[in-house]
Amino acid sequence: MMQKMRYAVILVTLTGLLSSCATTSGILRPGFQPKAILEMSFASPVAQVSTIQRGNQPEFNPEASAESVRLMRKLLVNHQVELHLRNELVIPDSLQQQARQEIYRAVNGIEKRQRLDTGAHLPVLDHLLASQNQRYVLVAATQGFTRLEGNYGNQLAKSIGVGLLTMGMMVPIAIKAKSDICLFIYDGEQKNIVYYNHTPPPAEREPLNEAVLEKQLRTMVAKDFPMR
């Protein structure tokens, strides 16, 4: 029994190590080169961060999402030079919900297809770009969850208990936290997303830790926008 449980732990550990070592390269629309853009705007970041208070059920948390937005905006500003960013394309409060829906819909579509061969329907970005006479905008969208203090320890204890009761045949894994970042560059003239990037395969990452987000961002764009 204990041998089976040790094997499960080793397998999970190896999977985590492989994921953490993964590197990414952006998905490009044919003919597009990221370094060809000398400067572009960045849209106000959007975020969907949940918290887990009890059990393993995440619930959307507006405060945690707002903190994620703050941290991502700070990182984009700190790395304006490397990312060729000029200014923030501010999304007004009145358009925040619509913009968030449009952006996550675009992200989900790319994640399913894993290619950029169709146009994008992003009317809020079109409106904002046209009003400021700009063509390109970098969009950052974050997703994830975190746990309240004490919750993870309780769930870990339950996982061990289930493993013992099932003689190691089933060992549910309680993930402590998760953080995903999606980036894309939208061309308002062509009405297309011309560049897309996503964090490497999932590993346990705290979505409200600035150092974690910084490392994720650096890993994502290392091949296309090297950071100092």
C-alpha atoms as a PDB file:
ATOM      1  CA  MET A   1       0.000   0.000   0.000  1.00  0.00           C
ATOM      2  CA  MET A   2       2.704   2.472   1.052  1.00  0.00           C
ATOM      3  CA  GLN A   3       4.722   1.618  -2.052  1.00  0.00           C
ATOM      4  CA  LYS A   4       1.761   2.541  -4.261  1.00  0.00           C
ATOM      5  CA  MET A   5       1.283   5.803  -2.398  1.00  0.00           C
ATOM      6  CA  ARG A   6       4.997   6.632  -2.699  1.00  0.00           C
ATOM      7  CA  TYR A   7       4.776   5.957  -6.445  1.00  0.00           C
ATOM      8  CA  ALA A   8       1.826   8.338  -6.733  1.00  0.00           C
ATOM      9  CA  VAL A   9       3.729  11.066  -4.900  1.00  0.00           C
ATOM     10  CA  ILE A  10       6.840  10.558  -7.076  1.00  0.00           C
ATOM     11  CA  LEU A  11       4.753  10.673 -10.255  1.00  0.00           C
ATOM     12  CA  VAL A  12       3.076  13.917  -9.215  1.00  0.00           C
ATOM     13  CA  THR A  13       6.443  15.415  -8.254  1.00  0.00           C
ATOM     14  CA  LEU A  14       8.018  14.525 -11.610  1.00  0.00           C
ATOM     15  CA  THR A  15       5.034  15.954 -13.467  1.00  0.00           C
ATOM     16  CA  GLY A  16       5.397  19.197 -11.534  1.00  0.00           C
ATOM     17  CA  LEU A  17       9.111  19.401 -12.305  1.00  0.00           C
ATOM     18  CA  LEU A  18       8.564  18.833 -16.011  1.00  0.00           C
ATOM     19  CA  SER A  19       5.866  21.484 -16.088  1.00  0.00           C
ATOM     20  CA  SER A  20       7.975  24.018 -14.225  1.00  0.00           C
ATOM     21  CA  CYS A  21      10.849  23.538 -16.693  1.00  0.00           C
ATOM     22  CA  ALA A  22       8.670  24.019 -19.769  1.00  0.00           C
ATOM     23  CA  THR A  23       9.239  27.024 -21.995  1.00  0.00           C
ATOM     24  CA  THR A  24       6.802  28.639 -24.349  1.00  0.00           C
ATOM     25  CA  SER A  25       6.821  30.268 -27.720  1.00  0.00           C
ATOM     26  CA  GLY A  26       4.016  32.490 -28.920  1.00  0.00           C
ATOM     27  CA  ILE A  27       1.489  31.441 -31.553  1.00  0.00           C
ATOM     28  CA  LEU A  28       1.914  33.819 -34.486  1.00  0.00           C
ATOM     29  CA  ARG A  29      -0.380  34.783 -37.303  1.00  0.00           C
ATOM     30  CA  PRO A  30       1.389  33.995 -40.614  1.00  0.00           C
ATOM     31  CA  GLY A  31       3.685  36.837 -41.602  1.00  0.00           C
ATOM     32  CA  PHE A  32       3.695  38.506 -38.185  1.00  0.00           C
ATOM     33  CA  GLN A  33       6.934  39.096 -36.266  1.00  0.00           C
ATOM     34  CA  PRO A  34       6.652  40.365 -32.652  1.00  0.00           C
ATOM     35  CA  LYS A  35       9.902  42.325 -32.831  1.00  0.00           C
ATOM     36  CA  ALA A  36       8.609  44.218 -35.861  1.00  0.00           C
ATOM     37  CA  ILE A  37       6.317  46.217 -33.568  1.00  0.00           C
ATOM     38  CA  LEU A  38       8.315  49.206 -32.368  1.00  0.00           C
ATOM     39  CA  GLU A  39       5.647  50.284 -29.883  1.00  0.00           C
ATOM     40  CA  MET A  40       2.082  49.441 -28.884  1.00  0.00           C
ATOM     41  CA  SER A  41      -0.427  50.167 -26.160  1.00  0.00           C
ATOM     42  CA  PHE A  42      -1.427  47.758 -23.433  1.00  0.00           C
ATOM     43  CA  ALA A  43      -5.035  47.355 -22.396  1.00  0.00           C
ATOM     44  CA  SER A  44      -6.091  47.520 -18.766  1.00  0.00           C
ATOM     45  CA  PRO A  45      -5.516  43.918 -17.574  1.00  0.00           C
ATOM     46  CA  VAL A  46      -8.492  41.688 -16.808  1.00  0.00           C
ATOM     47  CA  ALA A  47      -8.620  38.945 -14.184  1.00  0.00           C
ATOM     48  CA  GLN A  48     -10.807  36.118 -12.908  1.00  0.00           C
ATOM     49  CA  VAL A  49      -9.357  34.953  -9.586  1.00  0.00           C
ATOM     50  CA  SER A  50     -11.296  32.764  -7.165  1.00  0.00           C
ATOM     51  CA  THR A  51     -10.751  31.868  -3.539  1.00  0.00           C
ATOM     52  CA  ILE A  52     -11.471  28.575  -1.779  1.00  0.00           C
ATOM     53  CA  GLN A  53     -12.815  29.011   1.731  1.00  0.00           C
ATOM     54  CA  ARG A  54     -13.996  25.480   2.424  1.00  0.00           C
ATOM     55  CA  GLY A  55     -13.625  22.141   0.670  1.00  0.00           C
ATOM     56  CA  ASN A  56     -12.316  22.401  -2.888  1.00  0.00           C
ATOM     57  CA  GLN A  57     -14.979  24.698  -4.323  1.00  0.00           C
ATOM     58  CA  PRO A  58     -13.559  27.951  -5.774  1.00  0.00           C
ATOM     59  CA  GLU A  59     -15.723  31.075  -5.759  1.00  0.00           C
ATOM     60  CA  PHE A  60     -15.050  34.188  -7.817  1.00  0.00           C
ATOM     61  CA  ASN A  61     -13.531  36.901  -5.635  1.00  0.00           C
ATOM     62  CA  PRO A  62     -13.747  40.529  -6.842  1.00  0.00           C
ATOM     63  CA  GLU A  63     -11.080  41.723  -4.378  1.00  0.00           C
ATOM     64  CA  ALA A  64      -8.612  39.002  -5.378  1.00  0.00           C
ATOM     65  CA  SER A  65      -9.292  39.732  -9.053  1.00  0.00           C
ATOM     66  CA  ALA A  66      -8.683  43.445  -8.505  1.00  0.00           C
ATOM     67  CA  GLU A  67      -5.369  42.647  -6.798  1.00  0.00           C
ATOM     68  CA  SER A  68      -4.377  40.448  -9.745  1.00  0.00           C
ATOM     69  CA  VAL A  69      -5.145  43.344 -12.101  1.00  0.00           C
ATOM     70  CA  ARG A  70      -3.008  45.687  -9.980  1.00  0.00           C
ATOM     71  CA  LEU A  71      -0.049  43.309  -9.963  1.00  0.00           C
ATOM     72  CA  MET A  72      -0.243  42.616 -13.694  1.00  0.00           C
ATOM     73  CA  ARG A  73      -0.465  46.322 -14.518  1.00  0.00           C
ATOM     74  CA  LYS A  74       2.605  46.922 -12.343  1.00  0.00           C
ATOM     75  CA  LEU A  75       4.568  44.218 -14.190  1.00  0.00           C
ATOM     76  CA  LEU A  76       3.604  45.581 -17.597  1.00  0.00           C
ATOM     77  CA  VAL A  77       4.675  49.078 -16.583  1.00  0.00           C
ATOM     78  CA  ASN A  78       7.940  47.770 -15.125  1.00  0.00           C
ATOM     79  CA  HIS A  79       8.725  45.996 -18.411  1.00  0.00           C
ATOM     80  CA  GLN A  80       7.433  48.597 -20.861  1.00  0.00           C
ATOM     81  CA  VAL A  81      10.739  48.805 -22.706  1.00  0.00           C
ATOM     82  CA  GLU A  82      11.196  45.050 -23.243  1.00  0.00           C
ATOM     83  CA  LEU A  83       7.556  44.596 -24.281  1.00  0.00           C
ATOM     84  CA  HIS A  84       7.627  47.677 -26.577  1.00  0.00           C
ATOM     85  CA  LEU A  85       4.757  49.274 -24.641  1.00  0.00           C
ATOM     86  CA  ARG A  86       3.921  52.956 -24.980  1.00  0.00           C
ATOM     87  CA  ASN A  87       0.884  53.694 -22.828  1.00  0.00           C
ATOM     88  CA  GLU A  88      -2.142  52.090 -21.195  1.00  0.00           C
ATOM     89  CA  LEU A  89      -5.318  51.818 -23.221  1.00  0.00           C
ATOM     90  CA  VAL A  90      -7.671  52.353 -20.301  1.00  0.00           C
ATOM     91  CA  ILE A  91     -10.917  50.390 -20.366  1.00  0.00           C
ATOM     92  CA  PRO A  92     -13.643  52.568 -18.771  1.00  0.00           C
ATOM     93  CA  ASP A  93     -15.662  51.080 -15.916  1.00  0.00           C
ATOM     94  CA  SER A  94     -18.778  51.185 -18.111  1.00  0.00           C
ATOM     95  CA  LEU A  95     -17.110  48.821 -20.611  1.00  0.00           C
ATOM     96  CA  GLN A  96     -15.201  46.591 -18.195  1.00  0.00           C
ATOM     97  CA  GLN A  97     -17.698  43.721 -18.107  1.00  0.00           C
ATOM     98  CA  GLN A  98     -18.188  43.648 -21.876  1.00  0.00           C
ATOM     99  CA  ALA A  99     -14.440  43.846 -22.503  1.00  0.00           C
ATOM    100  CA  ARG A 100     -13.748  41.027 -20.029  1.00  0.00           C
ATOM    101  CA  GLN A 101     -16.307  38.779 -21.735  1.00  0.00           C
ATOM    102  CA  GLU A 102     -14.905  39.526 -25.191  1.00  0.00           C
ATOM    103  CA  ILE A 103     -11.306  38.947 -24.096  1.00  0.00           C
ATOM    104  CA  TYR A 104     -11.945  35.634 -22.329  1.00  0.00           C
ATOM    105  CA  ARG A 105     -14.090  34.462 -25.246  1.00  0.00           C
ATOM    106  CA  ALA A 106     -11.170  35.161 -27.590  1.00  0.00           C
ATOM    107  CA  VAL A 107      -8.725  33.389 -25.243  1.00  0.00           C
ATOM    108  CA  ASN A 108     -10.938  30.304 -24.974  1.00  0.00           C
ATOM    109  CA  GLY A 109     -11.295  30.146 -28.747  1.00  0.00           C
ATOM    110  CA  ILE A 110      -7.536  30.244 -29.276  1.00  0.00           C
ATOM    111  CA  GLU A 111      -6.950  27.638 -26.567  1.00  0.00           C
ATOM    112  CA  LYS A 112      -9.334  25.266 -28.351  1.00  0.00           C
ATOM    113  CA  ARG A 113      -7.921  25.791 -31.860  1.00  0.00           C
ATOM    114  CA  GLN A 114      -4.265  26.507 -31.001  1.00  0.00           C
ATOM    115  CA  ARG A 115      -3.934  28.662 -34.082  1.00  0.00           C
ATOM    116  CA  LEU A 116      -4.640  32.215 -35.299  1.00  0.00           C
ATOM    117  CA  ASP A 117      -6.330  31.735 -38.641  1.00  0.00           C
ATOM    118  CA  THR A 118      -9.606  33.566 -38.097  1.00  0.00           C
ATOM    119  CA  GLY A 119     -10.616  37.124 -37.242  1.00  0.00           C
ATOM    120  CA  ALA A 120     -11.407  38.266 -33.722  1.00  0.00           C
ATOM    121  CA  HIS A 121     -14.586  39.956 -32.477  1.00  0.00           C
ATOM    122  CA  LEU A 122     -13.378  42.543 -29.967  1.00  0.00           C
ATOM    123  CA  PRO A 123     -15.563  45.637 -30.457  1.00  0.00           C
ATOM    124  CA  VAL A 124     -14.499  47.293 -27.184  1.00  0.00           C
ATOM    125  CA  LEU A 125     -10.843  47.204 -28.192  1.00  0.00           C
ATOM    126  CA  ASP A 126     -11.771  48.350 -31.702  1.00  0.00           C
ATOM    127  CA  HIS A 127     -13.599  51.360 -30.228  1.00  0.00           C
ATOM    128  CA  LEU A 128     -10.772  52.307 -27.870  1.00  0.00           C
ATOM    129  CA  LEU A 129      -8.048  51.900 -30.502  1.00  0.00           C
ATOM    130  CA  ALA A 130      -9.989  53.968 -33.037  1.00  0.00           C
ATOM    131  CA  SER A 131     -10.673  56.733 -30.502  1.00  0.00           C
ATOM    132  CA  GLN A 132      -6.915  57.074 -29.869  1.00  0.00           C
ATOM    133  CA  ASN A 133      -5.818  56.430 -33.456  1.00  0.00           C
ATOM    134  CA  GLN A 134      -3.737  53.370 -32.502  1.00  0.00           C
ATOM    135  CA  ARG A 135      -3.296  50.033 -34.237  1.00  0.00           C
ATOM    136  CA  TYR A 136      -1.770  47.457 -31.861  1.00  0.00           C
ATOM    137  CA  VAL A 137      -2.605  46.650 -28.258  1.00  0.00           C
ATOM    138  CA  LEU A 138      -1.216  44.041 -25.863  1.00  0.00           C
ATOM    139  CA  VAL A 139      -3.887  42.339 -23.768  1.00  0.00           C
ATOM    140  CA  ALA A 140      -3.188  40.474 -20.510  1.00  0.00           C
ATOM    141  CA  ALA A 141      -5.778  38.183 -18.933  1.00  0.00           C
ATOM    142  CA  THR A 142      -5.186  36.230 -15.728  1.00  0.00           C
ATOM    143  CA  GLN A 143      -7.100  33.334 -14.206  1.00  0.00           C
ATOM    144  CA  GLY A 144      -6.596  31.190 -11.128  1.00  0.00           C
ATOM    145  CA  PHE A 145      -7.484  30.480  -7.530  1.00  0.00           C
ATOM    146  CA  THR A 146      -5.994  30.696  -4.078  1.00  0.00           C
ATOM    147  CA  ARG A 147      -7.001  29.253  -0.706  1.00  0.00           C
ATOM    148  CA  LEU A 148      -7.717  30.878   2.619  1.00  0.00           C
ATOM    149  CA  GLU A 149      -5.328  30.084   5.461  1.00  0.00           C
ATOM    150  CA  GLY A 150      -5.903  26.607   6.886  1.00  0.00           C
ATOM    151  CA  ASN A 151      -7.946  25.290   3.970  1.00  0.00           C
ATOM    152  CA  TYR A 152      -5.090  23.575   2.141  1.00  0.00           C
ATOM    153  CA  GLY A 153      -3.861  21.711   5.220  1.00  0.00           C
ATOM    154  CA  ASN A 154      -7.350  20.338   5.860  1.00  0.00           C
ATOM    155  CA  GLN A 155      -7.753  19.168   2.252  1.00  0.00           C
ATOM    156  CA  LEU A 156      -4.294  17.581   2.250  1.00  0.00           C
ATOM    157  CA  ALA A 157      -5.176  15.628   5.383  1.00  0.00           C
ATOM    158  CA  LYS A 158      -8.394  14.421   3.730  1.00  0.00           C
ATOM    159  CA  SER A 159      -6.441  13.298   0.651  1.00  0.00           C
ATOM    160  CA  ILE A 160      -4.098  11.215   2.801  1.00  0.00           C
ATOM    161  CA  GLY A 161      -7.086   9.725   4.614  1.00  0.00           C
ATOM    162  CA  VAL A 162      -8.753   8.701   1.351  1.00  0.00           C
ATOM    163  CA  GLY A 163      -5.474   7.148   0.202  1.00  0.00           C
ATOM    164  CA  LEU A 164      -5.258   5.049   3.357  1.00  0.00           C
ATOM    165  CA  LEU A 165      -8.896   3.938   3.162  1.00  0.00           C
ATOM    166  CA  THR A 166      -8.557   2.879  -0.491  1.00  0.00           C
ATOM    167  CA  MET A 167      -5.219   1.137   0.144  1.00  0.00           C
ATOM    168  CA  GLY A 168      -3.454   3.574  -2.143  1.00  0.00           C
ATOM    169  CA  MET A 169      -5.679   2.876  -5.144  1.00  0.00           C
ATOM    170  CA  MET A 170      -7.066   6.436  -5.102  1.00  0.00           C
ATOM    171  CA  VAL A 171      -5.126   9.399  -3.790  1.00  0.00           C
ATOM    172  CA  PRO A 172      -6.938  12.677  -4.613  1.00  0.00           C
ATOM    173  CA  ILE A 173      -4.528  15.559  -5.016  1.00  0.00           C
ATOM    174  CA  ALA A 174      -5.459  18.890  -3.440  1.00  0.00           C
ATOM    175  CA  ILE A 175      -3.905  21.667  -5.541  1.00  0.00           C
ATOM    176  CA  LYS A 176      -2.857  24.552  -3.318  1.00  0.00           C
ATOM    177  CA  ALA A 177      -3.218  27.335  -5.874  1.00  0.00           C
ATOM    178  CA  LYS A 178      -3.234  27.988  -9.605  1.00  0.00           C
ATOM    179  CA  SER A 179      -2.177  30.935 -11.732  1.00  0.00           C
ATOM    180  CA  ASP A 180      -2.488  31.272 -15.504  1.00  0.00           C
ATOM    181  CA  ILE A 181      -1.543  34.264 -17.638  1.00  0.00           C
ATOM    182  CA  CYS A 182      -2.653  34.746 -21.236  1.00  0.00           C
ATOM    183  CA  LEU A 183      -1.206  37.444 -23.478  1.00  0.00           C
ATOM    184  CA  PHE A 184      -2.215  38.450 -26.966  1.00  0.00           C
ATOM    185  CA  ILE A 185      -1.527  41.271 -29.384  1.00  0.00           C
ATOM    186  CA  TYR A 186      -4.540  42.581 -31.249  1.00  0.00           C
ATOM    187  CA  ASP A 187      -4.261  44.381 -34.592  1.00  0.00           C
ATOM    188  CA  GLY A 188      -7.153  46.839 -34.790  1.00  0.00           C
ATOM    189  CA  GLU A 189      -6.511  47.519 -38.465  1.00  0.00           C
ATOM    190  CA  GLN A 190      -6.767  43.878 -39.553  1.00  0.00           C
ATOM    191  CA  LYS A 191      -9.294  42.965 -36.794  1.00  0.00           C
ATOM    192  CA  ASN A 192      -7.092  39.985 -35.912  1.00  0.00           C
ATOM    193  CA  ILE A 193      -5.150  38.614 -32.975  1.00  0.00           C
ATOM    194  CA  VAL A 194      -1.641  38.344 -34.398  1.00  0.00           C
ATOM    195  CA  TYR A 195       0.229  36.969 -31.365  1.00  0.00           C
ATOM    196  CA  TYR A 196      -0.824  34.711 -28.483  1.00  0.00           C
ATOM    197  CA  ASN A 197       1.046  33.261 -25.535  1.00  0.00           C
ATOM    198  CA  HIS A 198       0.102  31.314 -22.433  1.00  0.00           C
ATOM    199  CA  THR A 199       1.890  30.157 -19.283  1.00  0.00           C
ATOM    200  CA  PRO A 200       3.557  26.701 -19.443  1.00  0.00           C
ATOM    201  CA  PRO A 201       1.627  23.551 -18.377  1.00  0.00           C
ATOM    202  CA  PRO A 202      -0.116  23.884 -14.989  1.00  0.00           C
ATOM    203  CA  ALA A 203       1.833  23.770 -11.757  1.00  0.00           C
ATOM    204  CA  GLU A 204       0.935  25.050  -8.313  1.00  0.00           C
ATOM    205  CA  ARG A 205       1.409  28.810  -8.442  1.00  0.00           C
ATOM    206  CA  GLU A 206       0.064  31.531  -6.165  1.00  0.00           C
ATOM    207  CA  PRO A 207      -1.873  34.007  -8.357  1.00  0.00           C
ATOM    208  CA  LEU A 208      -1.453  36.947  -5.966  1.00  0.00           C
ATOM    209  CA  ASN A 209       2.301  36.645  -5.501  1.00  0.00           C
ATOM    210  CA  GLU A 210       4.134  39.302  -7.513  1.00  0.00           C
ATOM    211  CA  ALA A 211       7.355  37.266  -7.737  1.00  0.00           C
ATOM    212  CA  VAL A 212       5.421  34.278  -9.092  1.00  0.00           C
ATOM    213  CA  LEU A 213       3.702  36.409 -11.734  1.00  0.00           C
ATOM    214  CA  GLU A 214       7.018  38.003 -12.678  1.00  0.00           C
ATOM    215  CA  LYS A 215       8.598  34.576 -13.230  1.00  0.00           C
ATOM    216  CA  GLN A 216       5.615  33.401 -15.268  1.00  0.00           C
ATOM    217  CA  LEU A 217       5.725  36.467 -17.490  1.00  0.00           C
ATOM    218  CA  ARG A 218       9.477  36.172 -18.074  1.00  0.00           C
ATOM    219  CA  THR A 219       9.153  32.483 -18.978  1.00  0.00           C
ATOM    220  CA  MET A 220       6.295  33.144 -21.385  1.00  0.00           C
ATOM    221  CA  VAL A 221       7.916  35.883 -23.428  1.00  0.00           C
ATOM    222  CA  ALA A 222      11.589  34.882 -23.173  1.00  0.00           C
ATOM    223  CA  LYS A 223      11.776  33.870 -26.855  1.00  0.00           C
ATOM    224  CA  ASP A 224       9.776  36.761 -28.262  1.00  0.00           C
ATOM    225  CA  PHE A 225      10.408  39.674 -25.860  1.00  0.00           C
ATOM    226  CA  PRO A 226      13.554  38.925 -23.799  1.00  0.00           C
ATOM    227  CA  MET A 227      13.535  40.674 -20.429  1.00  0.00           C
ATOM    228  CA  ARG A 228      16.534  42.018 -18.532  1.00  0.00           C
END
